Amino acid sequence: MHNPPQQAGEGAGFVARDSEGGFGVYVHWPFCLAKCPYCDFNSHVRHAPPDQERFLAAFRREIAHMRVLSGPRQAQSVFFGGGTPSLMAPQTVGGILDAIDDAWPLVADAEVTLEANPTSVEATRFAGYRAAGVNRVSLGVQALDDADLKGLGRMHSVAEALAAVAVARAAFDRVSFDLIYARPGQRPEAWAAELARALAEGCEHLSLYQLTIEPETPFARLYGAGKLILPDDEASRALWDVTQEVTAAAGLPAYEISNHARPGAEARHNLVYWRYGTYAGIGPGAHGRLLVDGARRATFTERAPEGWLAQVEAQGHAVAEDTALAAAEQADEMLLMGLRLKEGVDLARHAQLGGRPLDGARIAALEAEGLVARGGDRLRATPEGFPVLNAVIATLTS
């Protein structure tokens, strides 16, 4: 079990330095039992299980290196992503949390999330994760239809997924799960029924993603060959509308373009990203945004797990890129992340980061189209703007 987090008030100076957006830690576990055909994440399948003790030692060393770069901070959140972090032993998770707490003391109510696959084998580890310090789990359910689960390359059934949700709810106060929609042949009424079934599980948070075709994936090859047909724009919009209506009626409105929560149950770690906070990225292929001597820097580690491990063992870290972000880059990143949120972005902070305000004429043109709205010193996308958010951002940043 990792050390208890500091009480509120300890390390208050750390909090002040990261007051805008907060500070979190992302830990990437890159291994999966199988590669899903839609996935372009940094995930890898190995015939022999990795040496977790060796990886734990490497995680500890890279955490120590990132602590030198970041200086003192107090962590509001930790997120174990992947890959499949629920393939990690609870002792490995606990050892990593110990190292994080030593480097960046966890606030008293720190959110510690672990992504998990909803299989019976992995669900048996939930109590161990809770004892190790995890207090929130995010389950990759992806569909509540057995045929679609098979089509998505998932290794669990609907029954197994729902059983895992039940085990998770018994072990954790905070449970989220993911679903993918706009699947081949999916109709709005079927998706509404599936959503209703998901909402009946009583979880506080749902992540609902439209299926997208990522380059260099098996789905991209099938799509290019005409063997994978997705809903067209009109059908996708109908599915989007159903998503918003059904979740809002159930008390889990969208607070971010793809994320829905009961009030107060928002994913605090992801809010660090969306509010343009800073975070340390640990593990193979992990991205980070750190304040180093007052400058925001983008870090990125070696993607290949074995290459990452060798580099950390040789030099204490596997940072492949460490780049100071120009003012315009920071402003664009803040806009790209912040407009995903229902609350939108702080225009004054955006102007401070970028050195100049957004173009008022472009904002006015988007307002006239009903795609954005201003309130006080904030700019947000409207319900009509969210489905075309990429175009809205392109207009503002071009």
Protein backbone atom coordinates (compact mmCIF):
# COMPACT_ATOMS: atom_id res chain seq x y z
CA MET A 1 0.00 0.00 0.00
CA HIS A 2 1.34 3.42 -0.85
CA ASN A 3 1.89 6.08 1.78
CA PRO A 4 -1.22 8.05 2.78
CA PRO A 5 -1.56 11.36 0.94
CA GLN A 6 -0.65 14.56 2.71
CA GLN A 7 -3.40 16.39 4.50
CA ALA A 8 -4.89 19.51 3.04
CA GLY A 9 -2.62 22.47 3.61
CA GLU A 10 0.65 20.58 3.39
CA GLY A 11 2.69 21.61 0.39
CA ALA A 12 0.40 24.57 -0.25
CA GLY A 13 3.18 26.34 -2.14
CA PHE A 14 3.16 23.51 -4.66
CA VAL A 15 -0.54 23.96 -5.31
CA ALA A 16 -0.16 27.67 -5.94
CA ARG A 17 2.38 27.08 -8.70
CA ASP A 18 -0.07 24.83 -10.54
CA SER A 19 -3.29 26.65 -9.71
CA GLU A 20 -4.28 27.06 -13.38
CA GLY A 21 -5.33 23.61 -14.48
CA GLY A 22 -3.62 21.64 -11.74
CA PHE A 23 -0.88 18.99 -11.84
CA GLY A 24 -1.28 15.26 -12.44
CA VAL A 25 0.76 12.18 -13.29
CA TYR A 26 0.09 9.83 -16.21
CA VAL A 27 1.60 6.32 -16.13
CA HIS A 28 1.57 4.23 -19.31
CA TRP A 29 1.51 0.43 -19.17
CA PRO A 30 2.03 -0.59 -22.82
CA PHE A 31 1.03 -4.26 -22.84
CA CYS A 32 -2.24 -5.90 -23.97
CA LEU A 33 -3.38 -9.50 -24.38
CA ALA A 34 -4.57 -8.64 -27.91
CA LYS A 35 -4.53 -5.58 -30.16
CA CYS A 36 -7.99 -4.20 -30.96
CA PRO A 37 -8.43 -3.48 -34.70
CA TYR A 38 -9.54 0.14 -34.14
CA CYS A 39 -6.75 1.04 -31.70
CA ASP A 40 -3.78 3.25 -32.53
CA PHE A 41 -2.57 3.64 -28.93
CA ASN A 42 0.93 2.62 -27.95
CA SER A 43 0.00 -0.94 -27.02
CA HIS A 44 1.90 -4.15 -27.62
CA VAL A 45 1.23 -7.88 -27.38
CA ARG A 46 3.97 -10.13 -26.02
CA HIS A 47 3.99 -13.93 -25.86
CA ALA A 48 5.83 -13.92 -22.54
CA PRO A 49 4.61 -11.66 -19.72
CA PRO A 50 6.91 -8.72 -18.98
CA ASP A 51 9.20 -8.66 -15.95
CA GLN A 52 7.11 -6.43 -13.70
CA GLU A 53 9.81 -6.01 -11.07
CA ARG A 54 12.19 -4.73 -13.71
CA PHE A 55 9.58 -2.38 -15.13
CA LEU A 56 8.72 -1.13 -11.64
CA ALA A 57 12.34 -0.25 -11.01
CA ALA A 58 12.41 1.63 -14.33
CA PHE A 59 9.19 3.50 -13.54
CA ARG A 60 10.74 4.61 -10.25
CA ARG A 61 13.84 5.90 -12.01
CA GLU A 62 11.89 7.83 -14.63
CA ILE A 63 9.65 9.34 -11.94
CA ALA A 64 12.77 10.56 -10.14
CA HIS A 65 14.07 12.11 -13.38
CA MET A 66 10.75 13.89 -14.09
CA ARG A 67 10.73 15.20 -10.51
CA VAL A 68 14.08 16.89 -11.18
CA LEU A 69 12.61 18.52 -14.29
CA SER A 70 9.31 19.59 -12.75
CA GLY A 71 10.55 20.81 -9.40
CA PRO A 72 8.25 20.55 -6.39
CA ARG A 73 4.60 19.92 -7.16
CA GLN A 74 1.67 18.36 -5.37
CA ALA A 75 -0.24 15.85 -7.48
CA GLN A 76 -4.00 16.13 -7.69
CA SER A 77 -4.44 12.99 -9.75
CA VAL A 78 -2.76 9.87 -11.10
CA PHE A 79 -3.95 7.96 -14.15
CA PHE A 80 -2.78 4.48 -15.15
CA GLY A 81 -3.49 4.12 -18.88
CA GLY A 82 -2.40 1.82 -21.65
CA GLY A 83 -2.27 -0.70 -23.04
CA THR A 84 -4.04 -2.62 -20.34
CA PRO A 85 -2.99 -1.49 -16.84
CA SER A 86 -5.19 -4.15 -15.26
CA LEU A 87 -2.56 -6.68 -16.40
CA MET A 88 -0.28 -5.18 -13.75
CA ALA A 89 0.02 -6.84 -10.38
CA PRO A 90 -1.44 -4.74 -7.55
CA GLN A 91 2.05 -4.70 -5.98
CA THR A 92 3.41 -3.05 -9.12
CA VAL A 93 0.69 -0.39 -9.00
CA GLY A 94 1.36 0.20 -5.31
CA GLY A 95 5.10 0.52 -5.89
CA ILE A 96 4.56 3.12 -8.61
CA LEU A 97 2.16 5.08 -6.36
CA ASP A 98 4.75 5.05 -3.57
CA ALA A 99 7.30 6.57 -5.95
CA ILE A 100 4.82 9.20 -7.19
CA ASP A 101 3.86 10.17 -3.64
CA ASP A 102 7.55 10.54 -2.74
CA ALA A 103 8.17 12.74 -5.80
CA TRP A 104 4.97 14.80 -5.91
CA PRO A 105 3.01 14.37 -2.65
CA LEU A 106 -0.59 13.43 -3.34
CA VAL A 107 -3.27 15.82 -2.10
CA ALA A 108 -5.61 14.45 0.54
CA ASP A 109 -8.41 13.69 -1.93
CA ALA A 110 -6.22 12.77 -4.92
CA GLU A 111 -7.99 10.87 -7.69
CA VAL A 112 -6.14 7.68 -8.66
CA THR A 113 -7.63 6.02 -11.74
CA LEU A 114 -6.73 2.70 -13.35
CA GLU A 115 -8.02 1.57 -16.75
CA ALA A 116 -9.16 -2.05 -16.76
CA ASN A 117 -10.54 -4.61 -19.15
CA PRO A 118 -13.85 -6.05 -17.97
CA THR A 119 -12.84 -9.70 -17.81
CA SER A 120 -13.37 -11.99 -14.85
CA VAL A 121 -9.63 -12.60 -14.49
CA GLU A 122 -8.80 -8.92 -14.22
CA ALA A 123 -11.80 -8.18 -11.98
CA THR A 124 -10.29 -10.50 -9.35
CA ARG A 125 -7.49 -7.94 -8.91
CA PHE A 126 -9.80 -5.03 -8.08
CA ALA A 127 -9.58 -5.46 -4.31
CA GLY A 128 -5.79 -5.50 -4.62
CA TYR A 129 -5.80 -2.28 -6.62
CA ARG A 130 -8.01 -0.63 -4.02
CA ALA A 131 -5.58 -1.69 -1.28
CA ALA A 132 -2.70 -0.33 -3.36
CA GLY A 133 -4.27 3.13 -3.47
CA VAL A 134 -6.46 3.16 -6.60
CA ASN A 135 -9.80 4.83 -5.86
CA ARG A 136 -11.36 5.03 -9.33
CA VAL A 137 -11.56 2.47 -12.14
CA SER A 138 -12.36 3.01 -15.81
CA LEU A 139 -13.59 -0.09 -17.63
CA GLY A 140 -13.19 -0.60 -21.38
CA VAL A 141 -16.63 -2.17 -21.97
CA GLN A 142 -16.95 -0.66 -25.52
CA ALA A 143 -20.29 -2.29 -26.42
CA LEU A 144 -23.27 -4.02 -24.83
CA ASP A 145 -23.86 -6.25 -27.86
CA ASP A 146 -22.00 -9.53 -28.19
CA ALA A 147 -21.79 -9.46 -31.99
CA ASP A 148 -20.40 -5.92 -31.94
CA LEU A 149 -17.92 -6.81 -29.21
CA LYS A 150 -16.60 -9.56 -31.45
CA GLY A 151 -16.43 -7.13 -34.38
CA LEU A 152 -14.45 -4.69 -32.25
CA GLY A 153 -11.95 -7.40 -31.37
CA ARG A 154 -12.85 -7.40 -27.67
CA MET A 155 -12.12 -10.49 -25.59
CA HIS A 156 -15.12 -10.27 -23.25
CA SER A 157 -18.85 -10.86 -23.55
CA VAL A 158 -21.64 -8.54 -22.43
CA ALA A 159 -22.35 -10.78 -19.44
CA GLU A 160 -18.70 -10.76 -18.44
CA ALA A 161 -18.53 -6.98 -18.80
CA LEU A 162 -21.59 -6.38 -16.64
CA ALA A 163 -20.25 -8.82 -14.02
CA ALA A 164 -16.98 -6.86 -13.95
CA VAL A 165 -18.91 -3.59 -13.53
CA ALA A 166 -20.65 -5.10 -10.51
CA VAL A 167 -17.34 -6.22 -9.00
CA ALA A 168 -15.87 -2.76 -9.66
CA ARG A 169 -18.79 -0.99 -8.00
CA ALA A 170 -18.35 -3.20 -4.93
CA ALA A 171 -14.64 -2.38 -4.74
CA PHE A 172 -14.63 1.33 -5.70
CA ASP A 173 -16.81 4.32 -4.93
CA ARG A 174 -15.98 5.79 -8.33
CA VAL A 175 -16.54 3.72 -11.49
CA SER A 176 -16.61 4.75 -15.15
CA PHE A 177 -16.85 2.76 -18.32
CA ASP A 178 -16.37 3.37 -22.03
CA LEU A 179 -18.67 2.64 -24.94
CA ILE A 180 -18.02 3.13 -28.65
CA TYR A 181 -20.92 4.15 -30.88
CA ALA A 182 -21.48 4.96 -34.57
CA ARG A 183 -20.58 1.32 -35.17
CA PRO A 184 -21.35 -0.37 -38.51
CA GLY A 185 -25.10 -0.65 -39.01
CA GLN A 186 -25.95 0.95 -35.66
CA ARG A 187 -29.35 2.65 -35.52
CA PRO A 188 -30.43 5.40 -33.09
CA GLU A 189 -33.12 3.32 -31.40
CA ALA A 190 -30.70 0.45 -30.77
CA TRP A 191 -28.10 2.86 -29.40
CA ALA A 192 -30.71 4.48 -27.13
CA ALA A 193 -31.58 1.05 -25.72
CA GLU A 194 -27.90 0.23 -25.22
CA LEU A 195 -27.34 3.54 -23.44
CA ALA A 196 -30.32 2.89 -21.20
CA ARG A 197 -28.84 -0.47 -20.26
CA ALA A 198 -25.50 1.17 -19.50
CA LEU A 199 -27.09 3.89 -17.39
CA ALA A 200 -29.01 1.27 -15.42
CA GLU A 201 -25.69 0.09 -13.98
CA GLY A 202 -25.67 3.22 -11.83
CA CYS A 203 -22.10 4.31 -12.53
CA GLU A 204 -21.19 7.96 -11.99
CA HIS A 205 -19.37 8.50 -15.29
CA LEU A 206 -19.54 7.30 -18.90
CA SER A 207 -17.09 7.93 -21.74
CA LEU A 208 -18.93 7.65 -25.06
CA TYR A 209 -16.76 7.80 -28.18
CA GLN A 210 -17.76 7.81 -31.82
CA LEU A 211 -15.87 5.12 -33.74
CA THR A 212 -13.18 6.79 -35.82
CA ILE A 213 -10.84 5.27 -38.37
CA GLU A 214 -7.24 5.73 -37.27
CA PRO A 215 -4.41 5.42 -39.81
CA GLU A 216 -2.34 2.23 -39.90
CA THR A 217 -4.94 0.15 -38.05
CA PRO A 218 -6.70 -3.01 -39.32
CA PHE A 219 -9.95 -1.01 -39.40
CA ALA A 220 -8.27 1.56 -41.66
CA ARG A 221 -7.35 -1.17 -44.13
CA LEU A 222 -10.87 -2.64 -44.06
CA TYR A 223 -12.40 0.81 -44.44
CA GLY A 224 -10.12 1.63 -47.35
CA ALA A 225 -11.10 -1.62 -49.08
CA GLY A 226 -14.81 -0.88 -48.64
CA LYS A 227 -15.25 -3.81 -46.23
CA LEU A 228 -16.12 -1.67 -43.22
CA ILE A 229 -19.06 0.70 -43.66
CA LEU A 230 -19.67 3.31 -40.96
CA PRO A 231 -22.77 5.45 -40.48
CA ASP A 232 -22.79 8.51 -42.75
CA ASP A 233 -22.73 12.09 -41.44
CA GLU A 234 -26.51 12.30 -41.06
CA ALA A 235 -26.73 8.98 -39.22
CA SER A 236 -23.75 9.87 -37.02
CA ARG A 237 -25.42 13.16 -36.08
CA ALA A 238 -28.60 11.29 -35.14
CA LEU A 239 -26.56 8.98 -32.91
CA TRP A 240 -24.84 12.02 -31.36
CA ASP A 241 -28.21 13.64 -30.62
CA VAL A 242 -29.51 10.45 -28.99
CA THR A 243 -26.38 10.31 -26.84
CA GLN A 244 -26.91 13.83 -25.50
CA GLU A 245 -30.64 13.39 -24.92
CA VAL A 246 -30.52 10.03 -23.15
CA THR A 247 -27.57 10.84 -20.86
CA ALA A 248 -28.90 14.28 -19.91
CA ALA A 249 -32.30 12.82 -19.04
CA ALA A 250 -30.57 10.27 -16.80
CA GLY A 251 -28.60 12.93 -14.91
CA LEU A 252 -25.25 12.37 -16.65
CA PRO A 253 -24.99 15.34 -19.02
CA ALA A 254 -21.92 15.90 -21.17
CA TYR A 255 -19.29 18.02 -19.43
CA GLU A 256 -16.80 17.30 -22.24
CA ILE A 257 -17.44 16.37 -25.85
CA SER A 258 -17.25 12.60 -25.18
CA ASN A 259 -17.61 12.41 -21.40
CA HIS A 260 -20.71 12.38 -19.24
CA ALA A 261 -20.95 12.49 -15.46
CA ARG A 262 -23.17 13.11 -12.51
CA PRO A 263 -22.39 16.58 -11.10
CA GLY A 264 -19.17 16.35 -9.09
CA ALA A 265 -18.13 13.03 -10.66
CA GLU A 266 -16.11 14.47 -13.54
CA ALA A 267 -12.74 12.80 -14.24
CA ARG A 268 -10.39 15.13 -12.37
CA HIS A 269 -7.27 13.83 -14.08
CA ASN A 270 -8.66 14.46 -17.54
CA LEU A 271 -9.72 17.93 -16.41
CA VAL A 272 -6.01 18.64 -15.88
CA TYR A 273 -5.52 18.05 -19.62
CA TRP A 274 -8.63 19.91 -20.75
CA ARG A 275 -7.98 22.90 -18.47
CA TYR A 276 -4.42 23.00 -19.76
CA GLY A 277 -2.71 22.11 -16.52
CA THR A 278 0.67 20.40 -16.28
CA TYR A 279 1.40 16.71 -15.94
CA ALA A 280 4.27 14.27 -15.89
CA GLY A 281 4.15 11.46 -18.46
CA ILE A 282 5.82 8.26 -17.23
CA GLY A 283 6.42 5.04 -19.17
CA PRO A 284 6.76 3.99 -22.82
CA GLY A 285 5.33 6.55 -25.23
CA ALA A 286 3.97 8.83 -22.51
CA HIS A 287 3.42 12.52 -23.24
CA GLY A 288 3.92 15.20 -20.60
CA ARG A 289 3.57 18.95 -20.16
CA LEU A 290 5.88 20.33 -17.48
CA LEU A 291 6.75 23.79 -16.23
CA VAL A 292 10.54 23.87 -16.17
CA ASP A 293 12.08 27.12 -14.92
CA GLY A 294 8.83 28.89 -15.77
CA ALA A 295 8.66 27.57 -19.35
CA ARG A 296 6.10 25.00 -20.52
CA ARG A 297 7.84 22.03 -22.08
CA ALA A 298 6.41 19.09 -24.04
CA THR A 299 8.00 15.74 -23.22
CA PHE A 300 7.61 12.43 -25.02
CA THR A 301 9.27 9.14 -24.11
CA GLU A 302 10.53 6.25 -26.25
CA ARG A 303 7.53 4.26 -27.51
CA ALA A 304 8.96 0.72 -27.79
CA PRO A 305 8.63 -0.96 -24.37
CA GLU A 306 11.94 -2.81 -24.53
CA GLY A 307 13.72 0.25 -25.91
CA TRP A 308 12.22 2.41 -23.16
CA LEU A 309 13.31 -0.08 -20.51
CA ALA A 310 16.89 -0.25 -21.82
CA GLN A 311 17.20 3.52 -21.98
CA VAL A 312 15.88 4.05 -18.47
CA GLU A 313 18.24 1.40 -17.11
CA ALA A 314 21.17 3.03 -18.95
CA GLN A 315 20.49 6.72 -18.26
CA GLY A 316 17.66 7.06 -15.73
CA HIS A 317 14.97 8.08 -18.23
CA ALA A 318 13.81 7.48 -21.81
CA VAL A 319 12.78 11.02 -22.80
CA ALA A 320 12.96 11.09 -26.59
CA GLU A 321 11.70 14.66 -27.04
CA ASP A 322 11.79 17.65 -24.69
CA THR A 323 10.66 20.81 -26.44
CA ALA A 324 9.94 24.32 -25.18
CA LEU A 325 6.54 25.38 -26.50
CA ALA A 326 6.26 28.79 -28.14
CA ALA A 327 3.54 31.14 -26.92
CA ALA A 328 1.37 30.53 -30.00
CA GLU A 329 1.67 26.76 -29.57
CA GLN A 330 0.56 26.98 -25.96
CA ALA A 331 -2.43 29.12 -26.88
CA ASP A 332 -3.46 26.73 -29.65
CA GLU A 333 -3.13 23.71 -27.34
CA MET A 334 -5.19 25.42 -24.67
CA LEU A 335 -7.93 26.19 -27.20
CA LEU A 336 -7.85 22.67 -28.66
CA MET A 337 -8.26 21.12 -25.22
CA GLY A 338 -10.46 23.70 -23.53
CA LEU A 339 -13.17 23.99 -26.15
CA ARG A 340 -13.86 20.29 -25.64
CA LEU A 341 -15.30 21.26 -22.25
CA LYS A 342 -18.83 22.52 -21.77
CA GLU A 343 -17.34 25.28 -19.58
CA GLY A 344 -15.12 26.43 -22.46
CA VAL A 345 -11.91 28.45 -22.14
CA ASP A 346 -10.82 31.53 -20.21
CA LEU A 347 -10.13 34.12 -22.90
CA ALA A 348 -7.88 36.20 -20.65
CA ARG A 349 -5.67 33.23 -19.83
CA HIS A 350 -5.59 32.26 -23.51
CA ALA A 351 -4.47 35.76 -24.48
CA GLN A 352 -1.84 35.72 -21.73
CA LEU A 353 -0.42 32.40 -22.96
CA GLY A 354 -0.44 33.40 -26.62
CA GLY A 355 0.58 37.03 -26.24
CA ARG A 356 -2.50 38.25 -28.12
CA PRO A 357 -6.27 37.77 -28.02
CA LEU A 358 -8.29 35.65 -30.40
CA ASP A 359 -9.57 37.38 -33.52
CA GLY A 360 -12.83 39.06 -32.49
CA ALA A 361 -14.23 38.99 -36.02
CA ARG A 362 -13.80 35.22 -36.25
CA ILE A 363 -15.48 34.74 -32.89
CA ALA A 364 -18.34 36.97 -34.01
CA ALA A 365 -18.76 35.02 -37.24
CA LEU A 366 -18.94 31.72 -35.33
CA GLU A 367 -21.39 33.28 -32.87
CA ALA A 368 -23.58 34.35 -35.79
CA GLU A 369 -23.65 30.73 -36.97
CA GLY A 370 -24.65 29.62 -33.49
CA LEU A 371 -21.48 27.53 -33.03
CA VAL A 372 -19.85 29.37 -30.12
CA ALA A 373 -21.03 31.64 -27.31
CA ARG A 374 -19.32 34.14 -25.04
CA GLY A 375 -20.22 34.56 -21.40
CA GLY A 376 -18.19 36.91 -19.26
CA ASP A 377 -14.57 36.23 -20.22
CA ARG A 378 -15.18 32.67 -21.40
CA LEU A 379 -15.69 31.21 -24.85
CA ARG A 380 -17.50 27.91 -25.24
CA ALA A 381 -18.84 25.74 -28.00
CA THR A 382 -22.62 25.53 -28.23
CA PRO A 383 -24.57 22.26 -28.58
CA GLU A 384 -24.57 22.95 -32.33
CA GLY A 385 -20.84 23.65 -32.29
CA PHE A 386 -19.73 20.47 -30.54
CA PRO A 387 -20.44 18.10 -33.46
CA VAL A 388 -18.29 20.31 -35.73
CA LEU A 389 -15.71 21.28 -33.12
CA ASN A 390 -12.70 20.56 -35.33
CA ALA A 391 -13.94 23.08 -37.87
CA VAL A 392 -14.63 25.64 -35.12
CA ILE A 393 -11.10 25.32 -33.76
CA ALA A 394 -9.60 25.47 -37.25
CA THR A 395 -11.44 28.76 -37.85
CA LEU A 396 -10.16 30.25 -34.60
CA THR A 397 -6.54 29.15 -34.98
CA SER A 398 -5.92 29.57 -38.72
